Amino acid sequence: MANPFSAVPTAYRVRATERWWYANCAWDAFGILGALDVDGTVESSCPDCGEPYAIEVSDARADAGDLLFHCLVPARHWWDDIVFT
């Protein structure tokens, strides 16, 4: 792992500049596009219902206005127990 990139396949795929990368989580998937400073697509599935989704990101903005990113742990404590987070 080299945040935000994953060295192994995960449920979070990112396509940009004609390449695919894997991210460790949804947050990191968007971080890949930010780190590369490119537009792209984030693909995964809903962890609740399993429905697949694809989100286009252009000019650092997602094409879906109804996105929700929910964490039970405040960001300042993510690395206290990253596996739980």
N, C-alpha and C. Protein backbone atom coordinates (compact mmCIF):
# COMPACT_ATOMS: atom_id res chain seq x y z
N MET A 1 0.84 -1.17 0.00
CA MET A 1 0.00 0.00 0.00
C MET A 1 0.89 1.24 0.00
N ALA A 2 0.57 2.15 -0.86
CA ALA A 2 1.20 3.47 -0.89
C ALA A 2 0.06 4.47 -1.03
N ASN A 3 -0.46 4.87 0.12
CA ASN A 3 -1.66 5.71 0.11
C ASN A 3 -1.59 6.82 -0.93
N PRO A 4 -2.65 7.02 -1.68
CA PRO A 4 -3.95 6.36 -1.64
C PRO A 4 -4.06 5.11 -2.51
N PHE A 5 -2.96 4.64 -3.06
CA PHE A 5 -2.97 3.48 -3.96
C PHE A 5 -2.88 2.17 -3.19
N SER A 6 -3.55 1.14 -3.71
CA SER A 6 -3.45 -0.20 -3.16
C SER A 6 -2.60 -1.05 -4.10
N ALA A 7 -1.76 -1.90 -3.54
CA ALA A 7 -0.92 -2.78 -4.34
C ALA A 7 -1.64 -4.07 -4.73
N VAL A 8 -2.82 -4.28 -4.18
CA VAL A 8 -3.60 -5.49 -4.47
C VAL A 8 -4.99 -5.08 -4.93
N PRO A 9 -5.67 -5.92 -5.70
CA PRO A 9 -7.03 -5.60 -6.13
C PRO A 9 -7.97 -5.40 -4.94
N THR A 10 -8.82 -4.38 -5.06
CA THR A 10 -9.82 -4.09 -4.03
C THR A 10 -11.16 -3.82 -4.72
N ALA A 11 -12.16 -3.50 -3.94
CA ALA A 11 -13.49 -3.18 -4.48
C ALA A 11 -13.56 -1.77 -5.05
N TYR A 12 -12.47 -1.00 -4.93
CA TYR A 12 -12.48 0.40 -5.37
C TYR A 12 -11.51 0.58 -6.52
N ARG A 13 -12.07 0.72 -7.74
CA ARG A 13 -11.26 0.88 -8.95
C ARG A 13 -11.34 2.32 -9.43
N VAL A 14 -10.22 2.80 -9.91
CA VAL A 14 -10.15 4.17 -10.42
C VAL A 14 -9.56 4.12 -11.82
N ARG A 15 -10.25 4.75 -12.77
CA ARG A 15 -9.74 4.82 -14.14
C ARG A 15 -9.42 6.27 -14.46
N ALA A 16 -8.19 6.47 -14.92
CA ALA A 16 -7.75 7.81 -15.33
C ALA A 16 -6.56 7.66 -16.25
N THR A 17 -6.45 8.55 -17.19
CA THR A 17 -5.34 8.58 -18.16
C THR A 17 -5.09 7.20 -18.76
N GLU A 18 -6.19 6.53 -19.14
CA GLU A 18 -6.13 5.23 -19.83
C GLU A 18 -5.51 4.11 -18.98
N ARG A 19 -5.53 4.27 -17.65
CA ARG A 19 -5.00 3.25 -16.75
C ARG A 19 -6.01 2.99 -15.63
N TRP A 20 -5.88 1.85 -14.99
CA TRP A 20 -6.68 1.49 -13.82
C TRP A 20 -5.79 1.41 -12.60
N TRP A 21 -6.30 1.89 -11.48
CA TRP A 21 -5.63 1.72 -10.20
C TRP A 21 -6.66 1.19 -9.20
N TYR A 22 -6.17 0.59 -8.13
CA TYR A 22 -7.03 0.19 -7.03
C TYR A 22 -6.75 1.10 -5.84
N ALA A 23 -7.81 1.39 -5.11
CA ALA A 23 -7.70 2.20 -3.89
C ALA A 23 -8.07 1.32 -2.69
N ASN A 24 -7.62 1.74 -1.53
CA ASN A 24 -7.89 0.98 -0.31
C ASN A 24 -9.30 1.18 0.22
N CYS A 25 -9.93 2.30 -0.14
CA CYS A 25 -11.28 2.61 0.33
C CYS A 25 -11.87 3.67 -0.59
N ALA A 26 -13.12 4.02 -0.36
CA ALA A 26 -13.78 5.04 -1.19
C ALA A 26 -13.05 6.38 -1.09
N TRP A 27 -12.65 6.74 0.11
CA TRP A 27 -11.95 8.01 0.33
C TRP A 27 -10.67 8.04 -0.50
N ASP A 28 -9.90 6.96 -0.47
CA ASP A 28 -8.66 6.89 -1.23
C ASP A 28 -8.90 6.88 -2.74
N ALA A 29 -10.02 6.34 -3.18
CA ALA A 29 -10.32 6.32 -4.62
C ALA A 29 -10.35 7.74 -5.18
N PHE A 30 -11.01 8.63 -4.45
CA PHE A 30 -11.03 10.03 -4.88
C PHE A 30 -9.66 10.67 -4.68
N GLY A 31 -8.92 10.20 -3.69
CA GLY A 31 -7.57 10.71 -3.44
C GLY A 31 -6.61 10.40 -4.57
N ILE A 32 -6.81 9.26 -5.24
CA ILE A 32 -5.96 8.93 -6.39
C ILE A 32 -6.11 9.98 -7.48
N LEU A 33 -7.35 10.33 -7.77
CA LEU A 33 -7.57 11.36 -8.80
C LEU A 33 -6.97 12.69 -8.37
N GLY A 34 -7.09 13.01 -7.09
CA GLY A 34 -6.49 14.24 -6.58
C GLY A 34 -4.98 14.21 -6.63
N ALA A 35 -4.38 13.08 -6.26
CA ALA A 35 -2.92 12.96 -6.26
C ALA A 35 -2.36 13.07 -7.68
N LEU A 36 -3.09 12.52 -8.64
CA LEU A 36 -2.64 12.58 -10.03
C LEU A 36 -3.06 13.86 -10.72
N ASP A 37 -3.96 14.61 -10.07
CA ASP A 37 -4.50 15.85 -10.64
C ASP A 37 -5.09 15.63 -12.02
N VAL A 38 -5.98 14.59 -12.10
CA VAL A 38 -6.62 14.24 -13.36
C VAL A 38 -8.11 13.98 -13.13
N ASP A 39 -8.86 14.00 -14.23
CA ASP A 39 -10.25 13.57 -14.21
C ASP A 39 -10.27 12.05 -14.33
N GLY A 40 -11.37 11.44 -13.91
CA GLY A 40 -11.45 9.99 -14.02
C GLY A 40 -12.76 9.44 -13.52
N THR A 41 -12.79 8.13 -13.34
CA THR A 41 -13.99 7.42 -12.90
C THR A 41 -13.66 6.55 -11.70
N VAL A 42 -14.53 6.60 -10.70
CA VAL A 42 -14.42 5.73 -9.53
C VAL A 42 -15.53 4.70 -9.64
N GLU A 43 -15.17 3.42 -9.55
CA GLU A 43 -16.15 2.34 -9.62
C GLU A 43 -16.07 1.48 -8.37
N SER A 44 -17.23 1.10 -7.86
CA SER A 44 -17.30 0.20 -6.71
C SER A 44 -18.72 -0.29 -6.61
N SER A 45 -19.11 -0.70 -5.41
CA SER A 45 -20.49 -1.09 -5.16
C SER A 45 -20.87 -0.64 -3.75
N CYS A 46 -22.15 -0.46 -3.55
CA CYS A 46 -22.66 -0.02 -2.26
C CYS A 46 -22.38 -1.10 -1.21
N PRO A 47 -21.72 -0.75 -0.10
CA PRO A 47 -21.43 -1.77 0.91
C PRO A 47 -22.69 -2.27 1.63
N ASP A 48 -23.79 -1.53 1.51
CA ASP A 48 -25.04 -1.93 2.15
C ASP A 48 -25.84 -2.89 1.28
N CYS A 49 -26.11 -2.49 0.01
CA CYS A 49 -26.98 -3.29 -0.85
C CYS A 49 -26.25 -4.02 -1.97
N GLY A 50 -24.99 -3.66 -2.22
CA GLY A 50 -24.21 -4.33 -3.25
C GLY A 50 -24.41 -3.79 -4.65
N GLU A 51 -25.25 -2.77 -4.81
CA GLU A 51 -25.49 -2.21 -6.14
C GLU A 51 -24.24 -1.51 -6.66
N PRO A 52 -23.81 -1.82 -7.89
CA PRO A 52 -22.61 -1.18 -8.43
C PRO A 52 -22.86 0.30 -8.75
N TYR A 53 -21.80 1.07 -8.69
CA TYR A 53 -21.90 2.47 -9.08
C TYR A 53 -20.61 2.91 -9.76
N ALA A 54 -20.73 3.94 -10.57
CA ALA A 54 -19.59 4.57 -11.22
C ALA A 54 -19.79 6.07 -11.10
N ILE A 55 -18.78 6.76 -10.64
CA ILE A 55 -18.85 8.20 -10.44
C ILE A 55 -17.79 8.86 -11.29
N GLU A 56 -18.22 9.74 -12.16
CA GLU A 56 -17.30 10.50 -12.99
C GLU A 56 -16.84 11.73 -12.21
N VAL A 57 -15.55 11.99 -12.25
CA VAL A 57 -14.98 13.16 -11.58
C VAL A 57 -14.32 14.02 -12.64
N SER A 58 -14.75 15.26 -12.71
CA SER A 58 -14.21 16.20 -13.69
C SER A 58 -13.98 17.54 -12.99
N ASP A 59 -12.83 18.12 -13.19
CA ASP A 59 -12.46 19.37 -12.53
C ASP A 59 -12.65 19.28 -11.02
N ALA A 60 -12.26 18.15 -10.45
CA ALA A 60 -12.32 17.89 -9.00
C ALA A 60 -13.73 17.88 -8.44
N ARG A 61 -14.73 17.61 -9.29
CA ARG A 61 -16.12 17.54 -8.84
C ARG A 61 -16.75 16.25 -9.33
N ALA A 62 -17.46 15.59 -8.43
CA ALA A 62 -18.17 14.36 -8.78
C ALA A 62 -19.46 14.68 -9.50
N ASP A 63 -19.86 13.80 -10.44
CA ASP A 63 -21.08 14.04 -11.21
C ASP A 63 -22.34 13.65 -10.45
N ALA A 64 -22.21 13.11 -9.25
CA ALA A 64 -23.37 12.69 -8.46
C ALA A 64 -23.49 13.59 -7.24
N GLY A 65 -24.54 14.39 -7.21
CA GLY A 65 -24.75 15.32 -6.10
C GLY A 65 -25.34 14.68 -4.86
N ASP A 66 -25.75 13.42 -4.96
CA ASP A 66 -26.40 12.77 -3.83
C ASP A 66 -25.46 11.80 -3.09
N LEU A 67 -24.17 11.98 -3.25
CA LEU A 67 -23.21 11.09 -2.61
C LEU A 67 -23.21 11.31 -1.10
N LEU A 68 -22.96 10.22 -0.37
CA LEU A 68 -22.85 10.29 1.08
C LEU A 68 -21.64 9.47 1.49
N PHE A 69 -20.75 10.07 2.22
CA PHE A 69 -19.59 9.38 2.77
C PHE A 69 -19.73 9.43 4.27
N HIS A 70 -19.90 8.28 4.89
CA HIS A 70 -20.16 8.23 6.32
C HIS A 70 -19.10 7.41 7.04
N CYS A 71 -18.52 7.97 8.07
CA CYS A 71 -17.55 7.26 8.91
C CYS A 71 -18.02 7.34 10.35
N LEU A 72 -17.94 6.23 11.03
CA LEU A 72 -18.30 6.21 12.44
C LEU A 72 -17.23 6.85 13.31
N VAL A 73 -16.02 6.95 12.78
CA VAL A 73 -14.89 7.45 13.53
C VAL A 73 -14.50 8.83 12.99
N PRO A 74 -14.30 9.83 13.86
CA PRO A 74 -13.84 11.14 13.38
C PRO A 74 -12.49 11.01 12.66
N ALA A 75 -12.27 11.80 11.63
CA ALA A 75 -11.06 11.71 10.81
C ALA A 75 -9.79 11.79 11.65
N ARG A 76 -9.78 12.58 12.69
CA ARG A 76 -8.56 12.71 13.51
C ARG A 76 -8.18 11.41 14.22
N HIS A 77 -9.12 10.43 14.27
CA HIS A 77 -8.85 9.16 14.94
C HIS A 77 -8.78 7.97 13.97
N TRP A 78 -8.80 8.21 12.67
CA TRP A 78 -8.78 7.12 11.71
C TRP A 78 -7.58 6.20 11.91
N TRP A 79 -6.41 6.76 12.12
CA TRP A 79 -5.20 5.95 12.21
C TRP A 79 -4.99 5.35 13.60
N ASP A 80 -5.87 5.67 14.55
CA ASP A 80 -5.79 5.00 15.86
C ASP A 80 -6.03 3.50 15.70
N ASP A 81 -6.97 3.15 14.82
CA ASP A 81 -7.28 1.75 14.50
C ASP A 81 -7.82 1.72 13.07
N ILE A 82 -6.90 1.80 12.11
CA ILE A 82 -7.30 1.94 10.71
C ILE A 82 -8.10 0.76 10.20
N VAL A 83 -7.90 -0.42 10.72
CA VAL A 83 -8.67 -1.58 10.28
C VAL A 83 -10.12 -1.41 10.67
N PHE A 84 -10.40 -0.94 11.88
CA PHE A 84 -11.77 -0.69 12.30
C PHE A 84 -12.39 0.44 11.50
N THR A 85 -11.63 1.50 11.28
CA THR A 85 -12.13 2.66 10.57
C THR A 85 -12.57 2.24 9.19
